C-alpha atoms as a PDB file:
ATOM      1  CA  MET A   1       0.139   0.051  -0.121  1.00  0.00           C
ATOM      2  CA  GLN A   2       1.125   3.452  -0.916  1.00  0.00           C
ATOM      3  CA  ILE A   3      -0.336   6.915  -0.903  1.00  0.00           C
ATOM      4  CA  VAL A   4       0.372   9.433  -3.847  1.00  0.00           C
ATOM      5  CA  LEU A   5      -0.378  13.141  -3.178  1.00  0.00           C
ATOM      6  CA  PHE A   6      -0.769  14.697  -6.627  1.00  0.00           C
ATOM      7  CA  GLU A   7       0.204  18.402  -6.595  1.00  0.00           C
ATOM      8  CA  PRO A   8      -0.511  18.935  -2.805  1.00  0.00           C
ATOM      9  CA  GLU A   9      -0.884  22.538  -1.864  1.00  0.00           C
ATOM     10  CA  ILE A  10      -1.156  22.888   1.926  1.00  0.00           C
ATOM     11  CA  PRO A  11       1.893  21.829   3.819  1.00  0.00           C
ATOM     12  CA  PRO A  12      -0.025  20.899   7.249  1.00  0.00           C
ATOM     13  CA  ASN A  13      -2.010  18.187   5.321  1.00  0.00           C
ATOM     14  CA  THR A  14       1.076  16.893   3.826  1.00  0.00           C
ATOM     15  CA  GLY A  15       2.776  16.677   7.070  1.00  0.00           C
ATOM     16  CA  ASN A  16      -0.055  14.943   8.705  1.00  0.00           C
ATOM     17  CA  ILE A  17      -0.009  12.369   5.948  1.00  0.00           C
ATOM     18  CA  ALA A  18       3.368  11.999   6.282  1.00  0.00           C
ATOM     19  CA  ARG A  19       2.806  11.316   9.993  1.00  0.00           C
ATOM     20  CA  LEU A  20       0.179   8.551   8.895  1.00  0.00           C
ATOM     21  CA  CYS A  21       2.733   6.964   6.608  1.00  0.00           C
ATOM     22  CA  ALA A  22       5.195   6.928   9.354  1.00  0.00           C
ATOM     23  CA  ALA A  23       2.809   5.288  11.491  1.00  0.00           C
ATOM     24  CA  THR A  24       1.796   2.533   8.970  1.00  0.00           C
ATOM     25  CA  GLY A  25       4.992   2.089   7.018  1.00  0.00           C
ATOM     26  CA  THR A  26       3.590   3.313   4.229  1.00  0.00           C
ATOM     27  CA  VAL A  27       5.511   4.669   1.107  1.00  0.00           C
ATOM     28  CA  LEU A  28       4.313   8.492   0.562  1.00  0.00           C
ATOM     29  CA  HIS A  29       4.995   9.757  -2.936  1.00  0.00           C
ATOM     30  CA  LEU A  30       4.584  13.674  -3.919  1.00  0.00           C
ATOM     31  CA  VAL A  31       3.988  14.641  -7.220  1.00  0.00           C
ATOM     32  CA  GLU A  32       5.043  18.192  -8.067  1.00  0.00           C
ATOM     33  CA  PRO A  33       4.309  20.947  -8.537  1.00  0.00           C
ATOM     34  CA  LEU A  34       4.116  21.214  -4.864  1.00  0.00           C
ATOM     35  CA  GLY A  35       2.007  24.378  -3.330  1.00  0.00           C
ATOM     36  CA  PHE A  36       4.962  24.704  -0.589  1.00  0.00           C
ATOM     37  CA  ARG A  37       8.620  23.828  -0.148  1.00  0.00           C
ATOM     38  CA  LEU A  38       9.534  20.739   1.370  1.00  0.00           C
ATOM     39  CA  GLU A  39      11.551  22.815   3.962  1.00  0.00           C
ATOM     40  CA  ASP A  40       8.340  24.636   4.969  1.00  0.00           C
ATOM     41  CA  ARG A  41       8.075  24.996   8.828  1.00  0.00           C
ATOM     42  CA  TYR A  42       4.415  23.862   8.652  1.00  0.00           C
ATOM     43  CA  LEU A  43       5.200  20.955   6.977  1.00  0.00           C
ATOM     44  CA  LYS A  44       7.843  19.955   9.200  1.00  0.00           C
ATOM     45  CA  ARG A  45       5.828  20.829  12.318  1.00  0.00           C
ATOM     46  CA  ALA A  46       2.859  18.654  11.449  1.00  0.00           C
ATOM     47  CA  GLY A  47       5.458  15.776  10.590  1.00  0.00           C
ATOM     48  CA  LEU A  48       7.004  16.699  13.967  1.00  0.00           C
ATOM     49  CA  ASP A  49       9.946  14.080  14.635  1.00  0.00           C
ATOM     50  CA  TYR A  50       8.380  11.478  12.724  1.00  0.00           C
ATOM     51  CA  TRP A  51      10.127  12.404   9.346  1.00  0.00           C
ATOM     52  CA  PRO A  52      12.901  10.055   9.724  1.00  0.00           C
ATOM     53  CA  ASN A  53      10.345   6.967   9.694  1.00  0.00           C
ATOM     54  CA  VAL A  54       8.857   8.438   6.300  1.00  0.00           C
ATOM     55  CA  THR A  55       9.759   6.624   3.098  1.00  0.00           C
ATOM     56  CA  MET A  56       8.887   9.818   0.956  1.00  0.00           C
ATOM     57  CA  ARG A  57       9.582  10.064  -2.967  1.00  0.00           C
ATOM     58  CA  VAL A  58       9.006  13.167  -4.934  1.00  0.00           C
ATOM     59  CA  TRP A  59       8.404  13.377  -8.567  1.00  0.00           C
ATOM     60  CA  LYS A  60       8.902  16.260 -10.917  1.00  0.00           C
ATOM     61  CA  ASN A  61       5.596  15.463 -12.497  1.00  0.00           C
ATOM     62  CA  TRP A  62       2.895  12.855 -13.174  1.00  0.00           C
ATOM     63  CA  GLY A  63       4.767  11.134 -16.079  1.00  0.00           C
ATOM     64  CA  ALA A  64       7.735  10.920 -14.006  1.00  0.00           C
ATOM     65  CA  PHE A  65       5.668   9.148 -11.273  1.00  0.00           C
ATOM     66  CA  LEU A  66       4.321   6.869 -13.801  1.00  0.00           C
ATOM     67  CA  GLU A  67       7.712   5.895 -15.266  1.00  0.00           C
ATOM     68  CA  ARG A  68       9.329   5.169 -11.632  1.00  0.00           C
ATOM     69  CA  ASP A  69      11.562   2.330 -10.892  1.00  0.00           C
ATOM     70  CA  GLY A  70      10.252  -0.558  -8.862  1.00  0.00           C
ATOM     71  CA  ARG A  71       6.789  -0.429 -10.277  1.00  0.00           C
ATOM     72  CA  THR A  72       5.128  -3.696 -11.038  1.00  0.00           C
ATOM     73  CA  ASP A  73       2.240  -5.012 -12.988  1.00  0.00           C
ATOM     74  CA  ALA A  74       0.346  -5.804  -9.656  1.00  0.00           C
ATOM     75  CA  ASP A  75       0.365  -2.027  -8.843  1.00  0.00           C
ATOM     76  CA  ARG A  76      -3.082  -0.503  -9.098  1.00  0.00           C
ATOM     77  CA  LEU A  77      -3.692   3.410  -9.155  1.00  0.00           C
ATOM     78  CA  VAL A  78      -6.909   3.741  -6.935  1.00  0.00           C
ATOM     79  CA  MET A  79      -8.364   7.314  -7.479  1.00  0.00           C
ATOM     80  CA  VAL A  80      -9.661   8.699  -4.468  1.00  0.00           C
ATOM     81  CA  SER A  81     -12.041  11.623  -5.381  1.00  0.00           C
ATOM     82  CA  SER A  82     -15.381  13.330  -4.260  1.00  0.00           C
ATOM     83  CA  LYS A  83     -16.144  14.436  -7.906  1.00  0.00           C
ATOM     84  CA  ARG A  84     -19.557  13.301  -8.326  1.00  0.00           C
ATOM     85  CA  ARG A  85     -19.099  13.361 -12.409  1.00  0.00           C
ATOM     86  CA  VAL A  86     -16.689  10.428 -11.994  1.00  0.00           C
ATOM     87  CA  GLN A  87     -18.330   6.843 -11.561  1.00  0.00           C
ATOM     88  CA  SER A  88     -16.868   5.801  -8.111  1.00  0.00           C
ATOM     89  CA  ARG A  89     -17.716   3.268  -5.337  1.00  0.00           C
ATOM     90  CA  PRO A  90     -17.924   4.090  -1.754  1.00  0.00           C
ATOM     91  CA  PHE A  91     -14.571   2.935  -0.251  1.00  0.00           C
ATOM     92  CA  HIS A  92     -15.814   0.422   2.136  1.00  0.00           C
ATOM     93  CA  LEU A  93     -17.415  -1.390  -0.886  1.00  0.00           C
ATOM     94  CA  PHE A  94     -14.149  -1.771  -2.780  1.00  0.00           C
ATOM     95  CA  SER A  95     -11.572  -4.492  -2.561  1.00  0.00           C
ATOM     96  CA  PHE A  96      -8.129  -3.345  -1.756  1.00  0.00           C
ATOM     97  CA  THR A  97      -4.952  -5.021  -2.643  1.00  0.00           C
ATOM     98  CA  ALA A  98      -1.638  -4.691  -0.999  1.00  0.00           C
ATOM     99  CA  ALA A  99      -0.232  -3.292  -4.386  1.00  0.00           C
ATOM    100  CA  ASP A 100      -2.618  -0.625  -4.365  1.00  0.00           C
ATOM    101  CA  LEU A 101      -1.495   3.136  -4.579  1.00  0.00           C
ATOM    102  CA  LEU A 102      -3.961   5.598  -3.286  1.00  0.00           C
ATOM    103  CA  VAL A 103      -3.922   8.761  -5.357  1.00  0.00           C
ATOM    104  CA  PHE A 104      -5.372  11.802  -3.866  1.00  0.00           C
ATOM    105  CA  GLY A 105      -5.613  15.353  -5.461  1.00  0.00           C
ATOM    106  CA  PRO A 106      -4.811  18.926  -4.515  1.00  0.00           C
ATOM    107  CA  GLU A 107      -6.916  20.258  -1.871  1.00  0.00           C
ATOM    108  CA  THR A 108      -8.721  23.013  -3.703  1.00  0.00           C
ATOM    109  CA  ARG A 109      -9.067  21.240  -6.984  1.00  0.00           C
ATOM    110  CA  GLY A 110      -9.042  17.570  -6.649  1.00  0.00           C
ATOM    111  CA  LEU A 111      -7.783  15.095  -9.272  1.00  0.00           C
ATOM    112  CA  PRO A 112      -8.077  16.531 -12.464  1.00  0.00           C
ATOM    113  CA  ASP A 113     -10.219  14.617 -15.265  1.00  0.00           C
ATOM    114  CA  ASN A 114      -6.810  13.975 -17.409  1.00  0.00           C
ATOM    115  CA  ILE A 115      -5.476  12.101 -14.061  1.00  0.00           C
ATOM    116  CA  LEU A 116      -8.615  10.388 -13.329  1.00  0.00           C
ATOM    117  CA  THR A 117      -8.580   8.447 -16.749  1.00  0.00           C
ATOM    118  CA  TYR A 118      -5.174   6.616 -15.611  1.00  0.00           C
ATOM    119  CA  SER A 119      -7.283   4.218 -13.720  1.00  0.00           C
ATOM    120  CA  PRO A 120     -10.699   2.421 -13.777  1.00  0.00           C
ATOM    121  CA  TYR A 121     -10.498   2.094 -10.017  1.00  0.00           C
ATOM    122  CA  HIS A 122     -12.287   5.150  -8.414  1.00  0.00           C
ATOM    123  CA  ILE A 123     -13.386   5.260  -4.877  1.00  0.00           C
ATOM    124  CA  ARG A 124     -14.916   8.010  -2.512  1.00  0.00           C
ATOM    125  CA  VAL A 125     -15.561   8.702   1.121  1.00  0.00           C
ATOM    126  CA  PRO A 126     -19.365   8.738   1.436  1.00  0.00           C
ATOM    127  CA  MET A 127     -20.878  11.934   3.149  1.00  0.00           C
ATOM    128  CA  LEU A 128     -24.448  13.195   3.771  1.00  0.00           C
ATOM    129  CA  PRO A 129     -25.637  15.053   0.718  1.00  0.00           C
ATOM    130  CA  GLY A 130     -25.932  18.843   0.672  1.00  0.00           C
ATOM    131  CA  GLY A 131     -23.622  20.540   3.117  1.00  0.00           C
ATOM    132  CA  VAL A 132     -20.360  19.263   2.841  1.00  0.00           C
ATOM    133  CA  ARG A 133     -18.333  19.329  -0.535  1.00  0.00           C
ATOM    134  CA  SER A 134     -15.333  17.302   0.681  1.00  0.00           C
ATOM    135  CA  LEU A 135     -13.299  16.186   3.757  1.00  0.00           C
ATOM    136  CA  ASN A 136      -9.883  17.402   4.656  1.00  0.00           C
ATOM    137  CA  LEU A 137      -7.073  15.732   2.578  1.00  0.00           C
ATOM    138  CA  SER A 138      -5.367  14.366   5.481  1.00  0.00           C
ATOM    139  CA  THR A 139      -8.543  13.232   7.202  1.00  0.00           C
ATOM    140  CA  CYS A 140      -9.659  11.487   3.946  1.00  0.00           C
ATOM    141  CA  ALA A 141      -6.093   9.807   3.551  1.00  0.00           C
ATOM    142  CA  GLY A 142      -6.439   8.292   7.164  1.00  0.00           C
ATOM    143  CA  ILE A 143      -9.931   6.971   6.773  1.00  0.00           C
ATOM    144  CA  VAL A 144      -8.957   5.381   3.434  1.00  0.00           C
ATOM    145  CA  LEU A 145      -5.499   3.987   4.333  1.00  0.00           C
ATOM    146  CA  TYR A 146      -6.779   2.351   7.338  1.00  0.00           C
ATOM    147  CA  MET A 147      -9.913   0.934   5.858  1.00  0.00           C
ATOM    148  CA  ALA A 148      -7.623  -0.628   3.230  1.00  0.00           C
ATOM    149  CA  LEU A 149      -5.264  -1.951   5.910  1.00  0.00           C
ATOM    150  CA  CYS A 150      -8.123  -3.571   8.099  1.00  0.00           C
ATOM    151  CA  THR A 151      -9.441  -5.231   5.008  1.00  0.00           C
ATOM    152  CA  LEU A 152      -6.127  -6.827   4.290  1.00  0.00           C
ATOM    153  CA  GLY A 153      -5.408  -7.512   7.934  1.00  0.00           C
ATOM    154  CA  ILE A 154      -3.669  -5.447  10.289  1.00  0.00           C
ATOM    155  CA  PRO A 155      -0.121  -6.937  11.028  1.00  0.00           C
ATOM    156  CA  SER A 156      -0.104  -8.562  14.473  1.00  0.00           C
ATOM    157  CA  GLU A 157       2.834  -6.748  15.608  1.00  0.00           C
ATOM    158  CA  TRP A 158       0.755  -3.615  15.636  1.00  0.00           C
ATOM    159  CA  MET A 159      -1.258  -5.056  18.223  1.00  0.00           C
END
């Protein structure tokens, strides 16, 4: 399981997701351009002293990410989007695999249509209709990642 942040914009969200990745041993991919510098104090503060435990890779663009070394035929891009125009399934009805890469878009725009076309796997976090457009990125990443890990079986050493 890996998390991919496509063009993240808000440093504390990325820092919180980095901490989530450190706590779960999940690789974090950041696809540029970023809305901040990696030296940003808010990013570092949100990750606190967990940064040494984060396996993070930064990619110059989407194409560089897709061409990365180490990818396998088993890798699946799972697009996480609140966009209603995309045919998506609620995340709790999705069959996750250990080779999934959970792809999240920028906080203010979400995943653009051209990126969504790279995969047939689209999921969303269900919400009550009407009031809230989307959840905070780091909240959504935590919900989806832990659901995926739970369906695959939480490792006994975590207990």
